[in-house]
Amino acid sequence: MRDINKSVFVVLSSKGGAGKTTAATQFLIPYLHGVRGEGAVLPKLYEVDVKNNASQGLSESKLFHVELIKDSLKELENVIVKESANFMRDYPIIFDVGVGEFDNAFKAFADVFDEGVTYILPTKTSEADFGNTFDSIRRIKAADSAAEFIVVCSDSKHGADEIEFLKDEFGLVFGTWFNPKTRKPFVPLFKQANIPERFVVVKSSELFDKTTTSYKTTVYEAALEGLAIKGFLQDKNSTEPHAIDKAIADVKNKGVLESDPKKRDELLGESEFLRKTRRHYLNCANYHDNFLAPSFREFSKLLS
């Protein structure tokens, strides 16, 4: 079984909009936190992209350290050599590779890390996504014959527990759609690329955009807050409400008693914000239990 603290993951796609950043920051990094525990050294996320720093939207996240690689190939090679030579390393590494840096990046990883590299390839359902995923695998294998691949069914309508519906949704990946010329099923991606059928699912949710935009953190971290609230509600021995419930009540009571109309409106507005935040946390907790956690379990099986 691999040492998760020595693991190296490269999340990449030669096509924009495939769900790469979501896979890296909303799935892979939360997974690593869950399996490694609270006190573990934070993983490093290297963003290999001269045009964008996608993790800026997660400035409040406490799950990872991020570094931006700007001088793509030269800086990337230096980072790879430095990290591979660090025999005392006790943290996983994630490389989030921008589309424009695809060719430079995967060539730099071959035969460097002793533990090997796992390539995470997000894909959606279109023919363009399928073609780019297949092409990505082909080009990586040409540079690194020992490469391991895990396909992420990104922005899916179905969860890991709806496998038949999922395979029909991603028909080009799993070969469940028909070729209009031959009237036979398309050849599955895994068979065409000659790789094992290893995949996980990231189910579509508006919670990703909402959490990043309004709270600058991950759905997983919001879910942990929601799970804590649920725990308080289910604990029959608890005499105190959860901190956010206490804050909502305190702010609302102050607002009701406030004689200054402006201050009263501010306090009542703050109470409403906290109430909506609480509901958001609980929605994230439900998403975690129903979709994230099952995908985490499947991912653990693939890595073992």
C-alpha atoms as a PDB file:
ATOM      1  CA  MET A   1       0.000   0.000   0.000  1.00  0.00           C
ATOM      2  CA  ARG A   2       1.348   3.418  -0.900  1.00  0.00           C
ATOM      3  CA  ASP A   3       2.415   5.974   1.682  1.00  0.00           C
ATOM      4  CA  ILE A   4      -0.171   8.722   1.242  1.00  0.00           C
ATOM      5  CA  ASN A   5       2.312  11.248   2.679  1.00  0.00           C
ATOM      6  CA  LYS A   6       4.685  10.548  -0.215  1.00  0.00           C
ATOM      7  CA  SER A   7       2.014  10.656  -2.897  1.00  0.00           C
ATOM      8  CA  VAL A   8       2.227  12.918  -5.927  1.00  0.00           C
ATOM      9  CA  PHE A   9      -0.921  13.784  -7.870  1.00  0.00           C
ATOM     10  CA  VAL A  10      -0.990  15.663 -11.154  1.00  0.00           C
ATOM     11  CA  VAL A  11      -4.397  17.071 -12.085  1.00  0.00           C
ATOM     12  CA  LEU A  12      -4.460  18.093 -15.714  1.00  0.00           C
ATOM     13  CA  SER A  13      -6.375  18.250 -18.960  1.00  0.00           C
ATOM     14  CA  SER A  14      -5.476  19.579 -22.369  1.00  0.00           C
ATOM     15  CA  LYS A  15      -8.979  21.147 -22.531  1.00  0.00           C
ATOM     16  CA  GLY A  16     -10.309  24.029 -20.451  1.00  0.00           C
ATOM     17  CA  GLY A  17     -13.502  23.681 -18.434  1.00  0.00           C
ATOM     18  CA  ALA A  18     -13.104  19.974 -17.722  1.00  0.00           C
ATOM     19  CA  GLY A  19     -13.397  20.434 -13.952  1.00  0.00           C
ATOM     20  CA  LYS A  20      -9.691  20.376 -13.164  1.00  0.00           C
ATOM     21  CA  THR A  21      -9.622  22.947 -10.367  1.00  0.00           C
ATOM     22  CA  THR A  22     -12.734  21.478  -8.745  1.00  0.00           C
ATOM     23  CA  ALA A  23     -11.116  18.031  -8.802  1.00  0.00           C
ATOM     24  CA  ALA A  24      -7.920  19.401  -7.221  1.00  0.00           C
ATOM     25  CA  THR A  25      -9.310  21.739  -4.579  1.00  0.00           C
ATOM     26  CA  GLN A  26     -12.821  20.465  -3.833  1.00  0.00           C
ATOM     27  CA  PHE A  27     -12.142  16.728  -4.075  1.00  0.00           C
ATOM     28  CA  LEU A  28      -8.489  15.714  -3.856  1.00  0.00           C
ATOM     29  CA  ILE A  29      -7.337  18.105  -1.121  1.00  0.00           C
ATOM     30  CA  PRO A  30     -10.391  17.413   1.110  1.00  0.00           C
ATOM     31  CA  TYR A  31      -9.843  13.684   0.573  1.00  0.00           C
ATOM     32  CA  LEU A  32      -6.244  13.984   1.753  1.00  0.00           C
ATOM     33  CA  HIS A  33      -7.363  15.906   4.845  1.00  0.00           C
ATOM     34  CA  GLY A  34      -9.954  13.259   5.660  1.00  0.00           C
ATOM     35  CA  VAL A  35      -7.600  10.262   5.418  1.00  0.00           C
ATOM     36  CA  ARG A  36      -4.571  11.934   7.043  1.00  0.00           C
ATOM     37  CA  GLY A  37      -6.297  13.578   9.986  1.00  0.00           C
ATOM     38  CA  GLU A  38      -6.356  16.969  11.650  1.00  0.00           C
ATOM     39  CA  GLY A  39      -2.746  17.184  12.839  1.00  0.00           C
ATOM     40  CA  ALA A  40      -1.033  16.144   9.603  1.00  0.00           C
ATOM     41  CA  VAL A  41       1.295  18.462   7.711  1.00  0.00           C
ATOM     42  CA  LEU A  42      -0.755  20.282   5.074  1.00  0.00           C
ATOM     43  CA  PRO A  43      -0.389  19.101   1.480  1.00  0.00           C
ATOM     44  CA  LYS A  44       1.239  21.390  -1.054  1.00  0.00           C
ATOM     45  CA  LEU A  45      -0.696  22.551  -4.090  1.00  0.00           C
ATOM     46  CA  TYR A  46       1.482  23.800  -6.931  1.00  0.00           C
ATOM     47  CA  GLU A  47      -0.450  25.734  -9.549  1.00  0.00           C
ATOM     48  CA  VAL A  48       1.361  25.430 -12.859  1.00  0.00           C
ATOM     49  CA  ASP A  49      -0.286  28.274 -14.715  1.00  0.00           C
ATOM     50  CA  VAL A  50       1.145  31.613 -15.834  1.00  0.00           C
ATOM     51  CA  LYS A  51      -2.313  33.092 -16.493  1.00  0.00           C
ATOM     52  CA  ASN A  52      -4.333  32.206 -13.438  1.00  0.00           C
ATOM     53  CA  ASN A  53      -4.252  31.413  -9.737  1.00  0.00           C
ATOM     54  CA  ALA A  54      -7.413  29.370  -9.337  1.00  0.00           C
ATOM     55  CA  SER A  55      -6.953  28.781  -5.615  1.00  0.00           C
ATOM     56  CA  GLN A  56      -7.307  32.535  -4.915  1.00  0.00           C
ATOM     57  CA  GLY A  57     -11.002  31.863  -4.522  1.00  0.00           C
ATOM     58  CA  LEU A  58     -10.178  29.624  -1.534  1.00  0.00           C
ATOM     59  CA  SER A  59      -8.279  32.170   0.518  1.00  0.00           C
ATOM     60  CA  GLU A  60     -10.068  31.127   3.739  1.00  0.00           C
ATOM     61  CA  SER A  61      -9.359  27.406   3.326  1.00  0.00           C
ATOM     62  CA  LYS A  62      -7.147  25.809   5.982  1.00  0.00           C
ATOM     63  CA  LEU A  63      -6.543  22.566   4.092  1.00  0.00           C
ATOM     64  CA  PHE A  64      -3.441  23.264   1.983  1.00  0.00           C
ATOM     65  CA  HIS A  65      -0.455  25.434   1.187  1.00  0.00           C
ATOM     66  CA  VAL A  66      -0.405  26.844  -2.342  1.00  0.00           C
ATOM     67  CA  GLU A  67       2.450  28.037  -4.540  1.00  0.00           C
ATOM     68  CA  LEU A  68       2.122  29.507  -8.014  1.00  0.00           C
ATOM     69  CA  ILE A  69       4.622  28.391 -10.656  1.00  0.00           C
ATOM     70  CA  LYS A  70       4.983  31.259 -13.115  1.00  0.00           C
ATOM     71  CA  ASP A  71       8.155  30.465 -15.077  1.00  0.00           C
ATOM     72  CA  SER A  72       6.527  27.233 -16.209  1.00  0.00           C
ATOM     73  CA  LEU A  73       9.078  24.651 -17.334  1.00  0.00           C
ATOM     74  CA  LYS A  74      12.240  25.901 -15.612  1.00  0.00           C
ATOM     75  CA  GLU A  75      10.547  26.588 -12.291  1.00  0.00           C
ATOM     76  CA  LEU A  76       8.537  23.364 -12.493  1.00  0.00           C
ATOM     77  CA  GLU A  77      11.661  21.272 -13.077  1.00  0.00           C
ATOM     78  CA  ASN A  78      13.363  22.930 -10.096  1.00  0.00           C
ATOM     79  CA  VAL A  79      10.354  22.212  -7.863  1.00  0.00           C
ATOM     80  CA  ILE A  80      10.188  18.580  -8.985  1.00  0.00           C
ATOM     81  CA  VAL A  81      13.888  18.004  -8.326  1.00  0.00           C
ATOM     82  CA  LYS A  82      13.693  19.717  -4.936  1.00  0.00           C
ATOM     83  CA  GLU A  83      10.604  17.810  -3.777  1.00  0.00           C
ATOM     84  CA  SER A  84      11.808  14.432  -5.107  1.00  0.00           C
ATOM     85  CA  ALA A  85      15.112  14.862  -3.243  1.00  0.00           C
ATOM     86  CA  ASN A  86      13.315  15.583   0.046  1.00  0.00           C
ATOM     87  CA  PHE A  87      13.457  12.123   1.640  1.00  0.00           C
ATOM     88  CA  MET A  88      11.945  13.477   4.856  1.00  0.00           C
ATOM     89  CA  ARG A  89       8.849  14.761   3.077  1.00  0.00           C
ATOM     90  CA  ASP A  90       5.732  14.002   5.089  1.00  0.00           C
ATOM     91  CA  TYR A  91       3.090  15.687   2.957  1.00  0.00           C
ATOM     92  CA  PRO A  92       1.405  14.851  -0.368  1.00  0.00           C
ATOM     93  CA  ILE A  93       1.908  17.092  -3.399  1.00  0.00           C
ATOM     94  CA  ILE A  94      -0.720  18.143  -5.940  1.00  0.00           C
ATOM     95  CA  PHE A  95       0.215  19.785  -9.216  1.00  0.00           C
ATOM     96  CA  ASP A  96      -2.729  21.638 -10.777  1.00  0.00           C
ATOM     97  CA  VAL A  97      -1.622  22.116 -14.383  1.00  0.00           C
ATOM     98  CA  GLY A  98      -3.128  24.870 -16.526  1.00  0.00           C
ATOM     99  CA  VAL A  99      -4.145  24.048 -20.079  1.00  0.00           C
ATOM    100  CA  GLY A 100      -1.406  26.224 -21.561  1.00  0.00           C
ATOM    101  CA  GLU A 101       1.264  24.357 -19.589  1.00  0.00           C
ATOM    102  CA  PHE A 102       0.095  20.836 -20.431  1.00  0.00           C
ATOM    103  CA  ASP A 103       2.948  19.905 -22.789  1.00  0.00           C
ATOM    104  CA  ASN A 104       5.652  21.320 -20.533  1.00  0.00           C
ATOM    105  CA  ALA A 105       4.307  19.709 -17.395  1.00  0.00           C
ATOM    106  CA  PHE A 106       3.824  16.015 -17.994  1.00  0.00           C
ATOM    107  CA  LYS A 107       7.232  15.612 -19.659  1.00  0.00           C
ATOM    108  CA  ALA A 108       8.895  16.905 -16.493  1.00  0.00           C
ATOM    109  CA  PHE A 109       7.411  14.245 -14.187  1.00  0.00           C
ATOM    110  CA  ALA A 110       8.593  11.016 -15.818  1.00  0.00           C
ATOM    111  CA  ASP A 111      10.980   8.910 -13.719  1.00  0.00           C
ATOM    112  CA  VAL A 112      11.510  11.581 -11.039  1.00  0.00           C
ATOM    113  CA  PHE A 113       9.423  10.700  -8.006  1.00  0.00           C
ATOM    114  CA  ASP A 114      10.315   7.310  -6.497  1.00  0.00           C
ATOM    115  CA  GLU A 115       6.763   6.662  -5.375  1.00  0.00           C
ATOM    116  CA  GLY A 116       5.431   7.384  -8.850  1.00  0.00           C
ATOM    117  CA  VAL A 117       2.861   9.865 -10.040  1.00  0.00           C
ATOM    118  CA  THR A 118      -0.902   9.458 -10.217  1.00  0.00           C
ATOM    119  CA  TYR A 119      -2.485  11.482 -13.015  1.00  0.00           C
ATOM    120  CA  ILE A 120      -5.982  12.735 -12.255  1.00  0.00           C
ATOM    121  CA  LEU A 121      -7.894  13.404 -15.475  1.00  0.00           C
ATOM    122  CA  PRO A 122     -11.236  15.209 -15.128  1.00  0.00           C
ATOM    123  CA  THR A 123     -13.610  14.814 -18.044  1.00  0.00           C
ATOM    124  CA  LYS A 124     -17.175  15.717 -18.895  1.00  0.00           C
ATOM    125  CA  THR A 125     -19.586  14.050 -21.272  1.00  0.00           C
ATOM    126  CA  SER A 126     -18.945  15.714 -24.637  1.00  0.00           C
ATOM    127  CA  GLU A 127     -17.056  14.256 -27.586  1.00  0.00           C
ATOM    128  CA  ALA A 128     -14.476  17.056 -27.233  1.00  0.00           C
ATOM    129  CA  ASP A 129     -13.876  16.126 -23.576  1.00  0.00           C
ATOM    130  CA  PHE A 130     -13.545  12.448 -24.475  1.00  0.00           C
ATOM    131  CA  GLY A 131     -11.086  13.215 -27.288  1.00  0.00           C
ATOM    132  CA  ASN A 132      -8.946  15.431 -25.090  1.00  0.00           C
ATOM    133  CA  THR A 133      -8.890  12.915 -22.233  1.00  0.00           C
ATOM    134  CA  PHE A 134      -7.855  10.118 -24.570  1.00  0.00           C
ATOM    135  CA  ASP A 135      -5.201  12.328 -26.159  1.00  0.00           C
ATOM    136  CA  SER A 136      -3.917  13.368 -22.718  1.00  0.00           C
ATOM    137  CA  ILE A 137      -3.483   9.724 -21.673  1.00  0.00           C
ATOM    138  CA  ARG A 138      -1.746   8.833 -24.931  1.00  0.00           C
ATOM    139  CA  ARG A 139       0.750  11.679 -24.643  1.00  0.00           C
ATOM    140  CA  ILE A 140       1.494  11.072 -20.969  1.00  0.00           C
ATOM    141  CA  LYS A 141       2.065   7.346 -21.573  1.00  0.00           C
ATOM    142  CA  ALA A 142       4.518   8.191 -24.334  1.00  0.00           C
ATOM    143  CA  ALA A 143       6.599  10.146 -21.791  1.00  0.00           C
ATOM    144  CA  ASP A 144       5.981   7.952 -18.741  1.00  0.00           C
ATOM    145  CA  SER A 145       5.158   4.313 -19.425  1.00  0.00           C
ATOM    146  CA  ALA A 146       4.619   3.634 -15.694  1.00  0.00           C
ATOM    147  CA  ALA A 147       2.047   6.412 -15.285  1.00  0.00           C
ATOM    148  CA  GLU A 148      -1.109   5.639 -13.302  1.00  0.00           C
ATOM    149  CA  PHE A 149      -4.413   7.238 -14.274  1.00  0.00           C
ATOM    150  CA  ILE A 150      -7.664   7.959 -12.487  1.00  0.00           C
ATOM    151  CA  VAL A 151     -10.481   9.503 -14.511  1.00  0.00           C
ATOM    152  CA  VAL A 152     -12.824  11.911 -12.746  1.00  0.00           C
ATOM    153  CA  CYS A 153     -16.381  11.994 -14.048  1.00  0.00           C
ATOM    154  CA  SER A 154     -16.711  15.715 -13.518  1.00  0.00           C
ATOM    155  CA  ASP A 155     -19.857  17.764 -12.967  1.00  0.00           C
ATOM    156  CA  SER A 156     -21.916  14.604 -13.081  1.00  0.00           C
ATOM    157  CA  LYS A 157     -25.698  14.454 -12.753  1.00  0.00           C
ATOM    158  CA  HIS A 158     -25.396  11.154 -10.861  1.00  0.00           C
ATOM    159  CA  GLY A 159     -23.529  10.000  -7.774  1.00  0.00           C
ATOM    160  CA  ALA A 160     -21.308   6.974  -7.214  1.00  0.00           C
ATOM    161  CA  ASP A 161     -24.327   5.018  -5.963  1.00  0.00           C
ATOM    162  CA  GLU A 162     -26.086   5.380  -9.335  1.00  0.00           C
ATOM    163  CA  ILE A 163     -23.497   3.517 -11.353  1.00  0.00           C
ATOM    164  CA  GLU A 164     -25.695   2.417 -14.254  1.00  0.00           C
ATOM    165  CA  PHE A 165     -27.081   5.928 -14.747  1.00  0.00           C
ATOM    166  CA  LEU A 166     -23.582   7.339 -14.410  1.00  0.00           C
ATOM    167  CA  LYS A 167     -22.184   5.021 -17.075  1.00  0.00           C
ATOM    168  CA  ASP A 168     -25.004   5.972 -19.402  1.00  0.00           C
ATOM    169  CA  GLU A 169     -24.395   9.680 -18.746  1.00  0.00           C
ATOM    170  CA  PHE A 170     -20.673   9.274 -19.556  1.00  0.00           C
ATOM    171  CA  GLY A 171     -21.379   7.010 -22.521  1.00  0.00           C
ATOM    172  CA  LEU A 172     -18.162   7.751 -24.415  1.00  0.00           C
ATOM    173  CA  VAL A 173     -16.055   6.976 -21.335  1.00  0.00           C
ATOM    174  CA  PHE A 174     -17.781   3.680 -20.557  1.00  0.00           C
ATOM    175  CA  GLY A 175     -18.867   2.626 -24.057  1.00  0.00           C
ATOM    176  CA  THR A 176     -22.614   2.734 -23.470  1.00  0.00           C
ATOM    177  CA  TRP A 177     -23.429   5.043 -26.404  1.00  0.00           C
ATOM    178  CA  PHE A 178     -23.759   3.894 -30.008  1.00  0.00           C
ATOM    179  CA  ASN A 179     -21.588   4.944 -32.900  1.00  0.00           C
ATOM    180  CA  PRO A 180     -23.999   6.290 -35.557  1.00  0.00           C
ATOM    181  CA  LYS A 181     -21.817   4.933 -38.380  1.00  0.00           C
ATOM    182  CA  THR A 182     -21.324   1.373 -37.162  1.00  0.00           C
ATOM    183  CA  ARG A 183     -24.487   1.184 -35.019  1.00  0.00           C
ATOM    184  CA  LYS A 184     -22.316  -0.516 -32.422  1.00  0.00           C
ATOM    185  CA  PRO A 185     -21.305   0.796 -28.991  1.00  0.00           C
ATOM    186  CA  PHE A 186     -18.347   3.150 -28.854  1.00  0.00           C
ATOM    187  CA  VAL A 187     -15.184   1.551 -27.520  1.00  0.00           C
ATOM    188  CA  PRO A 188     -14.785   2.596 -23.846  1.00  0.00           C
ATOM    189  CA  LEU A 189     -12.075   5.117 -23.042  1.00  0.00           C
ATOM    190  CA  PHE A 190     -10.249   2.672 -20.789  1.00  0.00           C
ATOM    191  CA  LYS A 191     -10.075   0.014 -23.506  1.00  0.00           C
ATOM    192  CA  GLN A 192      -9.036   2.494 -26.195  1.00  0.00           C
ATOM    193  CA  ALA A 193      -6.311   3.940 -23.988  1.00  0.00           C
ATOM    194  CA  ASN A 194      -5.321   0.507 -22.639  1.00  0.00           C
ATOM    195  CA  ILE A 195      -5.535   1.507 -18.980  1.00  0.00           C
ATOM    196  CA  PRO A 196      -7.407  -0.061 -16.025  1.00  0.00           C
ATOM    197  CA  GLU A 197     -10.972   1.139 -15.432  1.00  0.00           C
ATOM    198  CA  ARG A 198     -10.267   3.454 -12.517  1.00  0.00           C
ATOM    199  CA  PHE A 199     -12.626   6.374 -11.975  1.00  0.00           C
ATOM    200  CA  VAL A 200     -14.350   8.497  -9.343  1.00  0.00           C
ATOM    201  CA  VAL A 201     -17.329  10.825  -9.487  1.00  0.00           C
ATOM    202  CA  VAL A 202     -17.702  14.492  -8.578  1.00  0.00           C
ATOM    203  CA  LYS A 203     -21.425  15.173  -8.641  1.00  0.00           C
ATOM    204  CA  SER A 204     -22.555  18.554  -9.908  1.00  0.00           C
ATOM    205  CA  SER A 205     -23.658  21.060  -7.274  1.00  0.00           C
ATOM    206  CA  GLU A 206     -24.194  24.795  -7.035  1.00  0.00           C
ATOM    207  CA  LEU A 207     -22.599  24.510  -3.588  1.00  0.00           C
ATOM    208  CA  PHE A 208     -19.112  24.629  -5.141  1.00  0.00           C
ATOM    209  CA  ASP A 209     -19.599  28.064  -6.692  1.00  0.00           C
ATOM    210  CA  LYS A 210     -21.565  29.386  -3.723  1.00  0.00           C
ATOM    211  CA  THR A 211     -18.983  28.252  -1.161  1.00  0.00           C
ATOM    212  CA  THR A 212     -16.065  29.653  -3.147  1.00  0.00           C
ATOM    213  CA  THR A 213     -17.760  32.965  -3.907  1.00  0.00           C
ATOM    214  CA  SER A 214     -19.420  33.698  -0.557  1.00  0.00           C
ATOM    215  CA  TYR A 215     -17.166  31.906   1.932  1.00  0.00           C
ATOM    216  CA  LYS A 216     -13.820  31.550   0.095  1.00  0.00           C
ATOM    217  CA  THR A 217     -13.424  27.966   1.231  1.00  0.00           C
ATOM    218  CA  THR A 218     -14.225  24.380   0.236  1.00  0.00           C
ATOM    219  CA  VAL A 219     -17.554  22.561   0.405  1.00  0.00           C
ATOM    220  CA  TYR A 220     -15.806  19.961   2.582  1.00  0.00           C
ATOM    221  CA  GLU A 221     -14.875  22.536   5.228  1.00  0.00           C
ATOM    222  CA  ALA A 222     -18.403  23.948   5.194  1.00  0.00           C
ATOM    223  CA  ALA A 223     -19.670  20.366   5.495  1.00  0.00           C
ATOM    224  CA  LEU A 224     -17.565  19.809   8.623  1.00  0.00           C
ATOM    225  CA  GLU A 225     -19.353  22.769  10.213  1.00  0.00           C
ATOM    226  CA  GLY A 226     -22.694  21.337   9.142  1.00  0.00           C
ATOM    227  CA  LEU A 227     -21.833  17.915  10.553  1.00  0.00           C
ATOM    228  CA  ALA A 228     -20.892  19.563  13.852  1.00  0.00           C
ATOM    229  CA  ILE A 229     -24.283  21.317  13.947  1.00  0.00           C
ATOM    230  CA  LYS A 230     -26.002  17.981  13.273  1.00  0.00           C
ATOM    231  CA  GLY A 231     -23.991  16.417  16.076  1.00  0.00           C
ATOM    232  CA  PHE A 232     -25.226  19.055  18.529  1.00  0.00           C
ATOM    233  CA  LEU A 233     -28.812  18.554  17.408  1.00  0.00           C
ATOM    234  CA  GLN A 234     -28.576  14.779  17.854  1.00  0.00           C
ATOM    235  CA  ASP A 235     -26.743  14.887  21.196  1.00  0.00           C
ATOM    236  CA  LYS A 236     -29.451  14.462  23.805  1.00  0.00           C
ATOM    237  CA  ASN A 237     -26.972  15.164  26.604  1.00  0.00           C
ATOM    238  CA  SER A 238     -25.953  18.564  25.250  1.00  0.00           C
ATOM    239  CA  THR A 239     -27.291  21.500  27.227  1.00  0.00           C
ATOM    240  CA  GLU A 240     -25.714  24.177  25.017  1.00  0.00           C
ATOM    241  CA  PRO A 241     -26.601  24.962  21.399  1.00  0.00           C
ATOM    242  CA  HIS A 242     -23.968  24.965  18.659  1.00  0.00           C
ATOM    243  CA  ALA A 243     -21.943  28.187  18.489  1.00  0.00           C
ATOM    244  CA  ILE A 244     -23.674  29.421  15.340  1.00  0.00           C
ATOM    245  CA  ASP A 245     -27.148  28.822  16.797  1.00  0.00           C
ATOM    246  CA  LYS A 246     -26.135  30.738  19.906  1.00  0.00           C
ATOM    247  CA  ALA A 247     -24.752  33.587  17.764  1.00  0.00           C
ATOM    248  CA  ILE A 248     -27.948  33.781  15.685  1.00  0.00           C
ATOM    249  CA  ALA A 249     -30.101  34.052  18.803  1.00  0.00           C
ATOM    250  CA  ASP A 250     -27.798  36.575  20.517  1.00  0.00           C
ATOM    251  CA  VAL A 251     -27.561  38.902  17.500  1.00  0.00           C
ATOM    252  CA  LYS A 252     -31.284  38.682  16.817  1.00  0.00           C
ATOM    253  CA  ASN A 253     -32.148  39.502  20.448  1.00  0.00           C
ATOM    254  CA  LYS A 254     -29.824  42.494  20.384  1.00  0.00           C
ATOM    255  CA  GLY A 255     -31.475  43.675  17.190  1.00  0.00           C
ATOM    256  CA  VAL A 256     -34.974  43.394  18.624  1.00  0.00           C
ATOM    257  CA  LEU A 257     -33.939  45.394  21.702  1.00  0.00           C
ATOM    258  CA  GLU A 258     -31.940  48.034  19.780  1.00  0.00           C
ATOM    259  CA  SER A 259     -33.648  51.447  19.686  1.00  0.00           C
ATOM    260  CA  ASP A 260     -31.463  52.913  16.920  1.00  0.00           C
ATOM    261  CA  PRO A 261     -33.160  51.887  13.615  1.00  0.00           C
ATOM    262  CA  LYS A 262     -29.870  51.755  11.687  1.00  0.00           C
ATOM    263  CA  LYS A 263     -28.130  49.579  14.269  1.00  0.00           C
ATOM    264  CA  ARG A 264     -31.228  47.418  14.591  1.00  0.00           C
ATOM    265  CA  ASP A 265     -31.288  46.765  10.835  1.00  0.00           C
ATOM    266  CA  GLU A 266     -27.579  45.935  10.881  1.00  0.00           C
ATOM    267  CA  LEU A 267     -28.002  43.441  13.715  1.00  0.00           C
ATOM    268  CA  LEU A 268     -31.053  41.821  12.148  1.00  0.00           C
ATOM    269  CA  GLY A 269     -29.182  41.648   8.832  1.00  0.00           C
ATOM    270  CA  GLU A 270     -26.258  39.942  10.572  1.00  0.00           C
ATOM    271  CA  SER A 271     -28.659  37.474  12.162  1.00  0.00           C
ATOM    272  CA  GLU A 272     -30.151  36.669   8.752  1.00  0.00           C
ATOM    273  CA  PHE A 273     -26.663  36.175   7.282  1.00  0.00           C
ATOM    274  CA  LEU A 274     -25.780  33.742  10.081  1.00  0.00           C
ATOM    275  CA  ARG A 275     -29.062  31.887   9.574  1.00  0.00           C
ATOM    276  CA  LYS A 276     -28.354  31.467   5.844  1.00  0.00           C
ATOM    277  CA  THR A 277     -24.790  30.414   6.618  1.00  0.00           C
ATOM    278  CA  ARG A 278     -26.099  27.756   8.995  1.00  0.00           C
ATOM    279  CA  ARG A 279     -28.431  26.434   6.290  1.00  0.00           C
ATOM    280  CA  HIS A 280     -25.545  26.413   3.810  1.00  0.00           C
ATOM    281  CA  TYR A 281     -23.396  24.402   6.225  1.00  0.00           C
ATOM    282  CA  LEU A 282     -26.173  21.827   6.613  1.00  0.00           C
ATOM    283  CA  ASN A 283     -26.646  21.607   2.822  1.00  0.00           C
ATOM    284  CA  CYS A 284     -22.907  21.002   2.440  1.00  0.00           C
ATOM    285  CA  ALA A 285     -23.062  18.322   5.151  1.00  0.00           C
ATOM    286  CA  ASN A 286     -25.808  16.538   3.209  1.00  0.00           C
ATOM    287  CA  TYR A 287     -23.756  16.777   0.002  1.00  0.00           C
ATOM    288  CA  HIS A 288     -20.762  15.358   1.854  1.00  0.00           C
ATOM    289  CA  ASP A 289     -22.691  12.406   3.286  1.00  0.00           C
ATOM    290  CA  ASN A 290     -24.521  11.579   0.052  1.00  0.00           C
ATOM    291  CA  PHE A 291     -21.840  12.216  -2.575  1.00  0.00           C
ATOM    292  CA  LEU A 292     -18.398  13.279  -1.345  1.00  0.00           C
ATOM    293  CA  ALA A 293     -17.876  10.578   1.277  1.00  0.00           C
ATOM    294  CA  PRO A 294     -18.843   7.689  -1.073  1.00  0.00           C
ATOM    295  CA  SER A 295     -16.455   9.044  -3.729  1.00  0.00           C
ATOM    296  CA  PHE A 296     -13.713   9.348  -1.104  1.00  0.00           C
ATOM    297  CA  ARG A 297     -14.209   5.670  -0.223  1.00  0.00           C
ATOM    298  CA  GLU A 298     -13.963   4.656  -3.879  1.00  0.00           C
ATOM    299  CA  PHE A 299     -10.839   6.780  -4.285  1.00  0.00           C
ATOM    300  CA  SER A 300      -9.203   5.041  -1.312  1.00  0.00           C
ATOM    301  CA  LYS A 301      -9.828   1.662  -2.965  1.00  0.00           C
ATOM    302  CA  LEU A 302      -8.189   2.867  -6.166  1.00  0.00           C
ATOM    303  CA  LEU A 303      -5.118   4.145  -4.358  1.00  0.00           C
ATOM    304  CA  SER A 304      -4.676   0.916  -2.389  1.00  0.00           C
END
